[in-house]
Amino acid sequence: MMMRRKKLLFVVLPIFLILSIVSVTMLLQSSQTVKAENLLDDIKPKPIYAGLLSEEYIGAVSDFSIELFKKSIKDGKNSLVSPLSVYFALGMTANGADGETLAEFKRLLGKDRLSMEELNKNNYSLMKSLTDNKTNRLTIANSIWYRENQGLTVSKEFLQTDGDYYKADAYMADFNDKRTVKDINNWVKKNTGGQIDSIVDGIDTNTMLYLFNTLYFEAEWETKYYKEAVRENKFHCSDGEDIETKFMYGSEYSYLSSDNCQGFVKNYAGDKFGFAALLPNQNISMDDFIESLTGEAFQALFKNASNETVQTAIPKFTTEYDCSLNNSLSSIGLTEAFDEDNANFTSMSNKDLYIADVRHKTFICVNEKGTKAGAVTKMEMIAKSAMIKPPKEVILDRPFVYAIIDNQTSLPVFIGVMENPKA
């Protein structure tokens, strides 16, 4: 029997949302000194064309996003995940799976209603849509790193598929050379605007493969906050502590509501992306509110949004998140891929591989100024009525759920819980 080798699969998701004026130009020019052999050099890419996203796909991604979010949060702590980045990374990995392992990927990612070809095509189309804008910036990068000199043969079909649909680079590297760690970290740093500069400290002797996915997002508000709109107020934490922090006060024109929450959407420049905030009703705990969320319910909030004035207050906050998603993914249906005895990735390489770890690392900074961006397109939505009604009010002065959404599909690029803006 072939000796089973450990596959350490790091799905790295460092997301940097920056909403303050900082210099990213020089950071983005940090050098990349990859010394590894690019395995795609002799593979000719096939033309792939973006199409419309299917309703089955949007529903499947929405369900996955909310289920992953629910399983990855930490009680009473600030949490932040990027469901889309995890989804894309799992889609790439699924192209190397077979048998029941592949079946689990398809059930998790497509509810058994999408073939791998349909999944890959929809992922390609969504990634192209997300990154195809001039007003703000969202970039996605993928790479696969294989160990050399261990008799490891990489499937060219696997590399072809991930190269075509996910634009993934693939490198064969000497994992015994400490410079490979530097090369990997340089690649991550380059693709996260310099904000995540280290993700690998050392490489285990049994590690056969790394898979990295990065998502970098920067945007300015459609309507910025001026100095007089920022003032101190109290934020009431779940543990009963009241903290003084700065809030950004303003008016928005997209009101969200359901039986157990109210909220709003504040758009970024160009209206392609929005910051959505959901505040549970006073008589509903954060745990109960999150437990009630489903992919369908999340989509319905935006589908049923009303165009009316909302007086809002968002606390300024910065938070980081770093966790393993093994248990989260196992709890929503992906189990065999983590099983050393049963995992089947024979379409990936000639070695017996399994997933050892899926690591998720995020960062977000929200404040009043925003980043430098291109042209701004403003859309005003004002509800008029013969009878003047007092505007709705959503003051985020206690724990809330927030998300950066793609306004076209209402899918969360990332979603988190803010328990304490000063933690």
Foldseek 3Di string as FASTA:
>chain_A
DFDAFEAAAAAEEAEEEDFDADDLVVLLVQDFDDPFDWPCPPPDADDADADDADPLQLLLLLQLFLLLFLLPDDPQDWDKFFSLSVLLLLLLLLLLFDDVLNVLSCCNRRVVPDDSVSSLNNNLNVQCVVQPDFFWGKDKAKEKEFEPDPPKDFFVVSVRSCCHRVVYIYGHDHLVDPVNQQNVLSVQSSQASNPRRHDDDHDDPRHGMYMYMYMYTFFYFLDFADPVQKDWDWFQFPVRDIDIFIKGKDKDFWWFDDPFWIWGWTATFPRQKTKIKIDGPPVDDPSRVSVPDGSVVLQVRRVPIGGAIEIEIDTWAKDKDKDWCVVSSVVSRNDQLQDSVRTGSNSTIPHNYGHPTYMYIYIYGDDRRGYDGDDGDDDHGHDDDPDDDDHHYDYNRAKIKMFIARSVSRRGSMIIIDRDRVD
